[in-house]
C-alpha atoms as a PDB file:
ATOM      1  CA  MET A   1      26.854 -10.637  -6.723  1.00  0.00           C
ATOM      2  CA  LEU A   2      23.618 -10.674  -7.789  1.00  0.00           C
ATOM      3  CA  VAL A   3      22.312  -8.801 -11.230  1.00  0.00           C
ATOM      4  CA  HIS A   4      18.724  -8.263 -11.673  1.00  0.00           C
ATOM      5  CA  PRO A   5      17.503 -10.218 -14.956  1.00  0.00           C
ATOM      6  CA  GLN A   6      15.734  -7.477 -15.998  1.00  0.00           C
ATOM      7  CA  PHE A   7      12.850  -9.130 -16.419  1.00  0.00           C
ATOM      8  CA  ASP A   8      10.821  -8.034 -19.920  1.00  0.00           C
ATOM      9  CA  PRO A   9       7.566  -5.461 -18.489  1.00  0.00           C
ATOM     10  CA  VAL A  10       4.973  -7.414 -20.768  1.00  0.00           C
ATOM     11  CA  ALA A  11       4.069 -10.900 -19.662  1.00  0.00           C
ATOM     12  CA  LEU A  12       2.172 -11.661 -22.549  1.00  0.00           C
ATOM     13  CA  SER A  13       1.339 -10.472 -26.143  1.00  0.00           C
ATOM     14  CA  LEU A  14      -2.048 -11.105 -28.490  1.00  0.00           C
ATOM     15  CA  GLY A  15      -1.430  -9.536 -31.413  1.00  0.00           C
ATOM     16  CA  PRO A  16      -1.167  -5.389 -30.826  1.00  0.00           C
ATOM     17  CA  LEU A  17      -2.497  -6.353 -27.280  1.00  0.00           C
ATOM     18  CA  GLN A  18      -0.168  -6.047 -24.626  1.00  0.00           C
ATOM     19  CA  ILE A  19      -0.338  -7.271 -21.028  1.00  0.00           C
ATOM     20  CA  HIS A  20       2.072  -5.868 -18.252  1.00  0.00           C
ATOM     21  CA  TRP A  21       2.921  -7.892 -14.971  1.00  0.00           C
ATOM     22  CA  TYR A  22       2.056  -4.800 -13.076  1.00  0.00           C
ATOM     23  CA  GLY A  23      -0.898  -5.012 -14.276  1.00  0.00           C
ATOM     24  CA  LEU A  24      -1.295  -8.377 -13.776  1.00  0.00           C
ATOM     25  CA  THR A  25       0.339  -7.897 -10.297  1.00  0.00           C
ATOM     26  CA  TYR A  26      -2.589  -5.379  -9.886  1.00  0.00           C
ATOM     27  CA  LEU A  27      -4.933  -7.910 -10.810  1.00  0.00           C
ATOM     28  CA  ALA A  28      -3.418  -9.792  -7.607  1.00  0.00           C
ATOM     29  CA  ALA A  29      -4.003  -7.464  -5.442  1.00  0.00           C
ATOM     30  CA  PHE A  30      -7.700  -6.866  -5.999  1.00  0.00           C
ATOM     31  CA  GLY A  31      -8.371 -10.525  -6.344  1.00  0.00           C
ATOM     32  CA  LEU A  32      -6.827 -11.267  -3.049  1.00  0.00           C
ATOM     33  CA  PHE A  33      -8.436  -8.889  -1.546  1.00  0.00           C
ATOM     34  CA  LEU A  34     -11.868  -9.927  -2.941  1.00  0.00           C
ATOM     35  CA  PHE A  35     -10.612 -13.806  -1.188  1.00  0.00           C
ATOM     36  CA  LEU A  36      -9.721 -12.487   2.309  1.00  0.00           C
ATOM     37  CA  ALA A  37     -12.444  -9.488   2.872  1.00  0.00           C
ATOM     38  CA  ALA A  38     -14.607 -12.554   1.563  1.00  0.00           C
ATOM     39  CA  ARG A  39     -14.489 -14.614   4.571  1.00  0.00           C
ATOM     40  CA  ARG A  40     -13.216 -11.933   6.787  1.00  0.00           C
ATOM     41  CA  VAL A  41     -17.046 -10.769   7.171  1.00  0.00           C
ATOM     42  CA  ARG A  42     -18.038 -14.228   7.717  1.00  0.00           C
ATOM     43  CA  LEU A  43     -16.866 -13.814  11.070  1.00  0.00           C
ATOM     44  CA  PRO A  44     -19.540 -14.243  13.714  1.00  0.00           C
ATOM     45  CA  HIS A  45     -19.308 -10.636  14.696  1.00  0.00           C
ATOM     46  CA  PHE A  46     -19.056  -9.089  11.124  1.00  0.00           C
ATOM     47  CA  ALA A  47     -22.086 -11.524   9.786  1.00  0.00           C
ATOM     48  CA  ALA A  48     -24.422 -10.852  12.608  1.00  0.00           C
ATOM     49  CA  ALA A  49     -23.799  -7.256  11.674  1.00  0.00           C
ATOM     50  CA  GLY A  50     -25.452  -8.824   8.096  1.00  0.00           C
ATOM     51  CA  TRP A  51     -22.051  -8.489   5.686  1.00  0.00           C
ATOM     52  CA  ALA A  52     -22.544 -10.117   2.591  1.00  0.00           C
ATOM     53  CA  ARG A  53     -19.732 -10.953   0.203  1.00  0.00           C
ATOM     54  CA  ARG A  54     -21.971  -8.041  -2.118  1.00  0.00           C
ATOM     55  CA  ASP A  55     -20.914  -5.816   0.237  1.00  0.00           C
ATOM     56  CA  VAL A  56     -17.511  -7.056  -0.330  1.00  0.00           C
ATOM     57  CA  GLU A  57     -17.910  -6.934  -4.310  1.00  0.00           C
ATOM     58  CA  ASP A  58     -18.911  -3.355  -4.021  1.00  0.00           C
ATOM     59  CA  MET A  59     -16.059  -1.837  -1.776  1.00  0.00           C
ATOM     60  CA  LEU A  60     -13.666  -3.391  -4.161  1.00  0.00           C
ATOM     61  CA  PHE A  61     -14.875  -1.641  -7.154  1.00  0.00           C
ATOM     62  CA  LEU A  62     -14.925   1.996  -4.944  1.00  0.00           C
ATOM     63  CA  GLY A  63     -11.530   0.852  -3.437  1.00  0.00           C
ATOM     64  CA  VAL A  64     -10.315   0.587  -7.177  1.00  0.00           C
ATOM     65  CA  LEU A  65     -11.552   3.778  -7.744  1.00  0.00           C
ATOM     66  CA  GLY A  66      -9.696   5.231  -4.743  1.00  0.00           C
ATOM     67  CA  VAL A  67      -6.727   3.399  -4.880  1.00  0.00           C
ATOM     68  CA  ILE A  68      -6.037   4.955  -8.344  1.00  0.00           C
ATOM     69  CA  VAL A  69      -7.351   8.838  -8.193  1.00  0.00           C
ATOM     70  CA  GLY A  70      -6.160   8.921  -4.842  1.00  0.00           C
ATOM     71  CA  GLY A  71      -2.436   7.382  -5.453  1.00  0.00           C
ATOM     72  CA  ARG A  72      -1.944   9.402  -8.680  1.00  0.00           C
ATOM     73  CA  ILE A  73      -3.402  12.904  -6.994  1.00  0.00           C
ATOM     74  CA  GLY A  74      -0.691  11.934  -4.342  1.00  0.00           C
ATOM     75  CA  TYR A  75       2.810  11.600  -5.919  1.00  0.00           C
ATOM     76  CA  ALA A  76       1.229  14.906  -8.052  1.00  0.00           C
ATOM     77  CA  LEU A  77       0.922  17.124  -4.882  1.00  0.00           C
ATOM     78  CA  PHE A  78       3.676  15.149  -2.478  1.00  0.00           C
ATOM     79  CA  TYR A  79       6.288  14.386  -4.667  1.00  0.00           C
ATOM     80  CA  LYS A  80       6.187  16.848  -7.714  1.00  0.00           C
ATOM     81  CA  PRO A  81       3.972  19.991  -7.017  1.00  0.00           C
ATOM     82  CA  ALA A  82       5.430  22.265  -9.207  1.00  0.00           C
ATOM     83  CA  GLU A  83       5.315  20.176 -12.127  1.00  0.00           C
ATOM     84  CA  TYR A  84       1.738  19.382 -11.674  1.00  0.00           C
ATOM     85  CA  LEU A  85       0.700  22.165 -10.897  1.00  0.00           C
ATOM     86  CA  ALA A  86       2.012  24.011 -14.128  1.00  0.00           C
ATOM     87  CA  ASP A  87       0.460  21.541 -16.232  1.00  0.00           C
ATOM     88  CA  PRO A  88      -2.768  19.528 -14.533  1.00  0.00           C
ATOM     89  CA  LEU A  89      -3.571  17.830 -17.124  1.00  0.00           C
ATOM     90  CA  GLN A  90      -0.493  15.276 -16.877  1.00  0.00           C
ATOM     91  CA  ILE A  91      -2.134  14.082 -13.927  1.00  0.00           C
ATOM     92  CA  LEU A  92      -4.406  11.819 -16.188  1.00  0.00           C
ATOM     93  CA  MET A  93      -0.908  10.158 -17.922  1.00  0.00           C
ATOM     94  CA  VAL A  94      -1.301   7.629 -15.644  1.00  0.00           C
ATOM     95  CA  TRP A  95       0.614   5.494 -18.491  1.00  0.00           C
ATOM     96  CA  LYS A  96       3.765   7.768 -17.531  1.00  0.00           C
ATOM     97  CA  GLY A  97       3.996   6.073 -14.059  1.00  0.00           C
ATOM     98  CA  GLY A  98       3.671   8.186 -10.455  1.00  0.00           C
ATOM     99  CA  MET A  99       1.906   6.592  -7.899  1.00  0.00           C
ATOM    100  CA  SER A 100       2.101   7.631  -3.999  1.00  0.00           C
ATOM    101  CA  PHE A 101       1.220   4.484  -1.655  1.00  0.00           C
ATOM    102  CA  HIS A 102      -0.285   6.902   1.079  1.00  0.00           C
ATOM    103  CA  GLY A 103      -1.978   9.050  -1.398  1.00  0.00           C
ATOM    104  CA  GLY A 104      -3.524   5.744  -2.220  1.00  0.00           C
ATOM    105  CA  LEU A 105      -4.518   5.224   1.231  1.00  0.00           C
ATOM    106  CA  LEU A 106      -6.349   8.593   1.812  1.00  0.00           C
ATOM    107  CA  GLY A 107      -7.895   7.923  -1.488  1.00  0.00           C
ATOM    108  CA  VAL A 108      -9.507   4.547  -0.192  1.00  0.00           C
ATOM    109  CA  VAL A 109     -10.171   6.283   3.219  1.00  0.00           C
ATOM    110  CA  ALA A 110     -12.657   8.319   1.098  1.00  0.00           C
ATOM    111  CA  ALA A 111     -14.073   5.673  -1.130  1.00  0.00           C
ATOM    112  CA  MET A 112     -15.193   4.122   2.315  1.00  0.00           C
ATOM    113  CA  ALA A 113     -16.637   6.575   3.919  1.00  0.00           C
ATOM    114  CA  TRP A 114     -18.891   7.136   0.182  1.00  0.00           C
ATOM    115  CA  PHE A 115     -19.760   3.036   1.351  1.00  0.00           C
ATOM    116  CA  ALA A 116     -19.978   3.370   4.662  1.00  0.00           C
ATOM    117  CA  ARG A 117     -22.895   6.458   4.363  1.00  0.00           C
ATOM    118  CA  SER A 118     -24.272   4.966   1.166  1.00  0.00           C
ATOM    119  CA  ARG A 119     -24.955   1.522   3.366  1.00  0.00           C
ATOM    120  CA  ARG A 120     -25.698   3.486   6.675  1.00  0.00           C
ATOM    121  CA  ARG A 121     -22.951   1.231   8.320  1.00  0.00           C
ATOM    122  CA  PRO A 122     -20.571   2.943  11.050  1.00  0.00           C
ATOM    123  CA  PHE A 123     -17.230   4.035   9.034  1.00  0.00           C
ATOM    124  CA  LEU A 124     -15.069   2.726  11.585  1.00  0.00           C
ATOM    125  CA  GLN A 125     -16.410  -0.921  10.805  1.00  0.00           C
ATOM    126  CA  VAL A 126     -16.277  -0.707   7.657  1.00  0.00           C
ATOM    127  CA  MET A 127     -12.578   0.177   8.071  1.00  0.00           C
ATOM    128  CA  ASP A 128     -11.793  -2.668  10.507  1.00  0.00           C
ATOM    129  CA  VAL A 129     -13.468  -5.248   7.489  1.00  0.00           C
ATOM    130  CA  VAL A 130     -11.095  -3.568   4.985  1.00  0.00           C
ATOM    131  CA  ALA A 131      -7.733  -3.237   6.809  1.00  0.00           C
ATOM    132  CA  PRO A 132      -6.537  -7.108   6.878  1.00  0.00           C
ATOM    133  CA  CYS A 133      -6.997  -7.522   3.222  1.00  0.00           C
ATOM    134  CA  VAL A 134      -4.414  -4.825   2.418  1.00  0.00           C
ATOM    135  CA  PRO A 135      -1.171  -6.090   2.703  1.00  0.00           C
ATOM    136  CA  THR A 136      -1.394  -8.405   0.417  1.00  0.00           C
ATOM    137  CA  GLY A 137      -2.365  -6.277  -2.047  1.00  0.00           C
ATOM    138  CA  LEU A 138       0.769  -4.295  -1.276  1.00  0.00           C
ATOM    139  CA  ALA A 139       3.021  -7.642  -1.228  1.00  0.00           C
ATOM    140  CA  ALA A 140       1.852  -7.669  -4.683  1.00  0.00           C
ATOM    141  CA  GLY A 141       2.701  -4.420  -5.626  1.00  0.00           C
ATOM    142  CA  ARG A 142       6.056  -4.889  -4.587  1.00  0.00           C
ATOM    143  CA  VAL A 143       6.697  -7.884  -6.677  1.00  0.00           C
ATOM    144  CA  GLY A 144       5.448  -5.566  -9.821  1.00  0.00           C
ATOM    145  CA  ASN A 145       8.307  -3.255  -8.428  1.00  0.00           C
ATOM    146  CA  PHE A 146      10.710  -5.848  -8.356  1.00  0.00           C
ATOM    147  CA  ILE A 147       9.848  -7.137 -11.659  1.00  0.00           C
ATOM    148  CA  ASN A 148       9.853  -4.012 -12.993  1.00  0.00           C
ATOM    149  CA  GLY A 149      13.469  -3.098 -10.951  1.00  0.00           C
ATOM    150  CA  GLU A 150      11.837   0.114 -10.319  1.00  0.00           C
ATOM    151  CA  LEU A 151      12.223   1.442  -6.886  1.00  0.00           C
ATOM    152  CA  TRP A 152      15.784  -0.479  -5.745  1.00  0.00           C
ATOM    153  CA  GLY A 153      17.795   0.105  -2.777  1.00  0.00           C
ATOM    154  CA  ARG A 154      20.505   1.797  -1.515  1.00  0.00           C
ATOM    155  CA  ALA A 155      23.435   0.724  -1.557  1.00  0.00           C
ATOM    156  CA  ALA A 156      24.759  -2.017  -0.317  1.00  0.00           C
ATOM    157  CA  ASP A 157      27.894  -4.277   1.322  1.00  0.00           C
ATOM    158  CA  PRO A 158      29.146  -6.461  -1.651  1.00  0.00           C
ATOM    159  CA  ALA A 159      29.837  -9.040   0.770  1.00  0.00           C
ATOM    160  CA  LEU A 160      26.111  -9.210   1.810  1.00  0.00           C
ATOM    161  CA  PRO A 161      24.674 -12.469  -0.409  1.00  0.00           C
ATOM    162  CA  TRP A 162      21.776 -10.905  -1.529  1.00  0.00           C
ATOM    163  CA  ALA A 163      23.182  -7.294  -2.609  1.00  0.00           C
ATOM    164  CA  MET A 164      21.740  -7.146  -6.323  1.00  0.00           C
ATOM    165  CA  VAL A 165      22.618  -4.934  -9.175  1.00  0.00           C
ATOM    166  CA  PHE A 166      20.453  -3.109 -10.460  1.00  0.00           C
ATOM    167  CA  PRO A 167      21.367  -1.994 -14.152  1.00  0.00           C
ATOM    168  CA  GLN A 168      18.222   0.330 -14.637  1.00  0.00           C
ATOM    169  CA  SER A 169      20.257   2.539 -12.230  1.00  0.00           C
ATOM    170  CA  GLY A 170      22.619   3.317 -14.350  1.00  0.00           C
ATOM    171  CA  SER A 171      25.639   1.965 -12.093  1.00  0.00           C
ATOM    172  CA  ASN A 172      27.064  -1.245 -10.992  1.00  0.00           C
ATOM    173  CA  LEU A 173      26.977  -0.684  -6.982  1.00  0.00           C
ATOM    174  CA  PRO A 174      25.517  -3.471  -5.294  1.00  0.00           C
ATOM    175  CA  ARG A 175      21.822  -2.836  -3.868  1.00  0.00           C
ATOM    176  CA  HIS A 176      20.180  -3.819  -1.055  1.00  0.00           C
ATOM    177  CA  PRO A 177      16.564  -5.268  -3.252  1.00  0.00           C
ATOM    178  CA  SER A 178      14.383  -3.081  -1.434  1.00  0.00           C
ATOM    179  CA  GLN A 179      11.738  -4.228  -2.934  1.00  0.00           C
ATOM    180  CA  LEU A 180      11.741  -7.449  -1.356  1.00  0.00           C
ATOM    181  CA  TYR A 181      12.411  -6.126   2.043  1.00  0.00           C
ATOM    182  CA  GLN A 182       8.981  -4.438   1.607  1.00  0.00           C
ATOM    183  CA  PHE A 183       6.984  -7.141   0.420  1.00  0.00           C
ATOM    184  CA  ALA A 184       8.245  -9.157   3.775  1.00  0.00           C
ATOM    185  CA  LEU A 185       7.809  -6.249   5.638  1.00  0.00           C
ATOM    186  CA  GLU A 186       4.901  -4.473   4.958  1.00  0.00           C
ATOM    187  CA  GLY A 187       3.083  -6.773   2.876  1.00  0.00           C
ATOM    188  CA  LEU A 188       3.594 -11.054   4.130  1.00  0.00           C
ATOM    189  CA  LEU A 189       4.327  -9.534   7.389  1.00  0.00           C
ATOM    190  CA  LEU A 190       1.746  -6.911   8.461  1.00  0.00           C
ATOM    191  CA  PHE A 191      -0.948  -8.630   6.480  1.00  0.00           C
ATOM    192  CA  ALA A 192       0.305 -11.997   9.248  1.00  0.00           C
ATOM    193  CA  LEU A 193      -0.118  -9.816  12.134  1.00  0.00           C
ATOM    194  CA  LEU A 194      -3.152  -7.716  11.319  1.00  0.00           C
ATOM    195  CA  TRP A 195      -4.528 -11.155  10.168  1.00  0.00           C
ATOM    196  CA  TRP A 196      -3.972 -12.650  13.804  1.00  0.00           C
ATOM    197  CA  TYR A 197      -5.155  -9.703  15.408  1.00  0.00           C
ATOM    198  CA  GLY A 198      -8.584  -9.039  13.424  1.00  0.00           C
ATOM    199  CA  GLN A 199      -9.660 -12.927  14.105  1.00  0.00           C
ATOM    200  CA  ARG A 200     -11.126 -11.453  17.498  1.00  0.00           C
ATOM    201  CA  GLU A 201     -13.605  -8.928  17.865  1.00  0.00           C
ATOM    202  CA  ARG A 202     -11.913  -5.291  18.845  1.00  0.00           C
ATOM    203  CA  ALA A 203     -13.375  -2.040  19.835  1.00  0.00           C
ATOM    204  CA  GLN A 204     -14.205  -0.754  16.942  1.00  0.00           C
ATOM    205  CA  GLY A 205     -11.610   0.664  14.927  1.00  0.00           C
ATOM    206  CA  GLN A 206      -8.898  -0.907  16.262  1.00  0.00           C
ATOM    207  CA  VAL A 207      -8.134  -2.719  13.616  1.00  0.00           C
ATOM    208  CA  ALA A 208      -8.320  -0.675  11.139  1.00  0.00           C
ATOM    209  CA  ALA A 209      -5.463   2.237  13.437  1.00  0.00           C
ATOM    210  CA  ALA A 210      -3.126  -1.030  14.266  1.00  0.00           C
ATOM    211  CA  PHE A 211      -3.011  -0.862  10.396  1.00  0.00           C
ATOM    212  CA  VAL A 212      -2.201   2.639  10.295  1.00  0.00           C
ATOM    213  CA  PHE A 213       0.368   2.805  13.153  1.00  0.00           C
ATOM    214  CA  GLY A 214       2.098  -1.366  11.932  1.00  0.00           C
ATOM    215  CA  TYR A 215       2.588   0.348   8.029  1.00  0.00           C
ATOM    216  CA  GLY A 216       3.724   3.620   9.407  1.00  0.00           C
ATOM    217  CA  VAL A 217       6.589   1.121  11.391  1.00  0.00           C
ATOM    218  CA  LEU A 218       7.748  -1.109   9.035  1.00  0.00           C
ATOM    219  CA  ARG A 219       7.621   1.340   5.922  1.00  0.00           C
ATOM    220  CA  PHE A 220       9.671   3.878   7.945  1.00  0.00           C
ATOM    221  CA  VAL A 221      12.166   1.068   9.014  1.00  0.00           C
ATOM    222  CA  ALA A 222      12.103  -0.043   4.899  1.00  0.00           C
ATOM    223  CA  GLU A 223      12.956   3.355   3.422  1.00  0.00           C
ATOM    224  CA  TYR A 224      16.413   3.074   5.341  1.00  0.00           C
ATOM    225  CA  PHE A 225      16.910   0.595   2.759  1.00  0.00           C
ATOM    226  CA  ARG A 226      15.584   2.309  -0.447  1.00  0.00           C
ATOM    227  CA  GLN A 227      17.202   5.066  -1.936  1.00  0.00           C
ATOM    228  CA  PRO A 228      15.299   7.956  -2.336  1.00  0.00           C
ATOM    229  CA  ASP A 229      13.848   9.575  -5.016  1.00  0.00           C
ATOM    230  CA  SER A 230      16.479  11.348  -7.631  1.00  0.00           C
ATOM    231  CA  PHE A 231      14.985  14.454  -7.592  1.00  0.00           C
ATOM    232  CA  LEU A 232      13.960  14.972  -4.136  1.00  0.00           C
ATOM    233  CA  GLY A 233      17.160  13.278  -2.033  1.00  0.00           C
ATOM    234  CA  LEU A 234      17.017  13.341   1.983  1.00  0.00           C
ATOM    235  CA  LEU A 235      15.037  15.464   3.802  1.00  0.00           C
ATOM    236  CA  ALA A 236      15.646  17.291   7.031  1.00  0.00           C
ATOM    237  CA  LEU A 237      16.808  15.000   9.700  1.00  0.00           C
ATOM    238  CA  GLY A 238      18.037  12.698   6.973  1.00  0.00           C
ATOM    239  CA  MET A 239      14.996  11.512   6.292  1.00  0.00           C
ATOM    240  CA  SER A 240      13.376  10.555   2.901  1.00  0.00           C
ATOM    241  CA  MET A 241       9.899  11.828   2.132  1.00  0.00           C
ATOM    242  CA  GLY A 242       8.376   7.965   2.671  1.00  0.00           C
ATOM    243  CA  GLN A 243       9.483   8.458   6.401  1.00  0.00           C
ATOM    244  CA  TRP A 244       8.384  11.746   6.758  1.00  0.00           C
ATOM    245  CA  LEU A 245       4.453  10.922   5.548  1.00  0.00           C
ATOM    246  CA  CYS A 246       5.043   7.593   7.813  1.00  0.00           C
ATOM    247  CA  LEU A 247       5.632   9.825  11.115  1.00  0.00           C
ATOM    248  CA  PRO A 248       2.072  11.060  11.469  1.00  0.00           C
ATOM    249  CA  MET A 249       0.555   7.376  10.470  1.00  0.00           C
ATOM    250  CA  ILE A 250       2.314   6.101  13.228  1.00  0.00           C
ATOM    251  CA  ALA A 251       1.502   8.876  15.864  1.00  0.00           C
ATOM    252  CA  GLY A 252      -1.887   8.945  14.361  1.00  0.00           C
ATOM    253  CA  GLY A 253      -2.639   5.050  14.146  1.00  0.00           C
ATOM    254  CA  ALA A 254      -1.234   5.030  18.102  1.00  0.00           C
ATOM    255  CA  LEU A 255      -3.616   7.370  19.225  1.00  0.00           C
ATOM    256  CA  LEU A 256      -6.451   6.716  17.763  1.00  0.00           C
ATOM    257  CA  TRP A 257      -5.833   2.323  19.142  1.00  0.00           C
ATOM    258  CA  TRP A 258      -5.653   4.016  22.178  1.00  0.00           C
ATOM    259  CA  TRP A 259      -8.789   6.590  22.029  1.00  0.00           C
ATOM    260  CA  PHE A 260     -10.962   4.080  20.526  1.00  0.00           C
ATOM    261  CA  GLY A 261      -9.815   1.522  22.817  1.00  0.00           C
ATOM    262  CA  ARG A 262     -10.657   3.929  25.977  1.00  0.00           C
ATOM    263  CA  ASN A 263     -14.299   4.862  23.809  1.00  0.00           C
ATOM    264  CA  ALA A 264     -15.316   1.991  22.837  1.00  0.00           C
ATOM    265  CA  ALA A 265     -19.229   1.922  24.178  1.00  0.00           C
ATOM    266  CA  SER A 266     -19.749   4.863  22.975  1.00  0.00           C
ATOM    267  CA  LEU A 267     -18.140   4.248  19.503  1.00  0.00           C
ATOM    268  CA  ARG A 268     -21.170   1.408  18.732  1.00  0.00           C
END
C-alpha cells in the first residue's frame, strides 16, 4: 500500500519569501494557456478573423481575474453560503483556501464576455479559442492538489495497487488518489479530445459546448472516487455537490452543441 509522501507545500524559500508548489502549478497553468492559445489563433480560420498573440495575452489577464474572483465567490455560494453570508469579508481571505471550479468557470465566461464586447468579437468565437486551452490548466491544478495532499479520494480496496494512505485525512484507510484520476480525465484526456476536435473549423460555439459537456461527464465520473466535502457529505440520490453541479453542464453542453450546429449560418 502506498503512502502519500507529504510534500513540503513550500517549493523554495528565499529569505522571507516563500514560493509554494500550488502557486507554481497556477503559474504553469497560465503559461500553458499562453502557449496553447498562441498556437490556436494561428489556425487558418482564426488567423483569417484577425486574431493575434496580443489578444491571447489580454485574454489571459482577464481570465486570471475571472478564475480568482469567480472561483472564490463560487466556493462561498455553492459550498458554504451560510458561513460566508454571516461574514462576507472572509471571501477576501484567499490565503485560507477555498476555490470552486464551477465558480471559476462562470468567472472566466464573464471575463471573456467583457473581452468579446470590448474587442467587438463574437462571444462564441472567443470561447472556441479558449476552450481547448483550459484542460491543461486543470491538470496543473490537480497536481497541486496531490502535492498538498488535499481533496483525497474515497476508501479503496487495499488490494488496489495504487491505493494510497493520505495521513492528512486523519486515518490510515487506503484511498483512491482521486487528484490523479482528475489529472488524467478532466486534464489530459479532455485536452487531447478538444485539441483534436478544435483543429478543424466547427460551427461557432461547438468547441466551447464540447468542453462544457466533456468536463461535466468526466468530472461526474471522477466524483465517484473523490471523498465528498466533510461539511456537505453526499446529497440527494447519493451524489456529491460536484456531481449535482455537473448535471446542468452535461445537459446544457449537449443541447448547445446541437443548437449551434443547427443554427450555424445565423450565428456567423
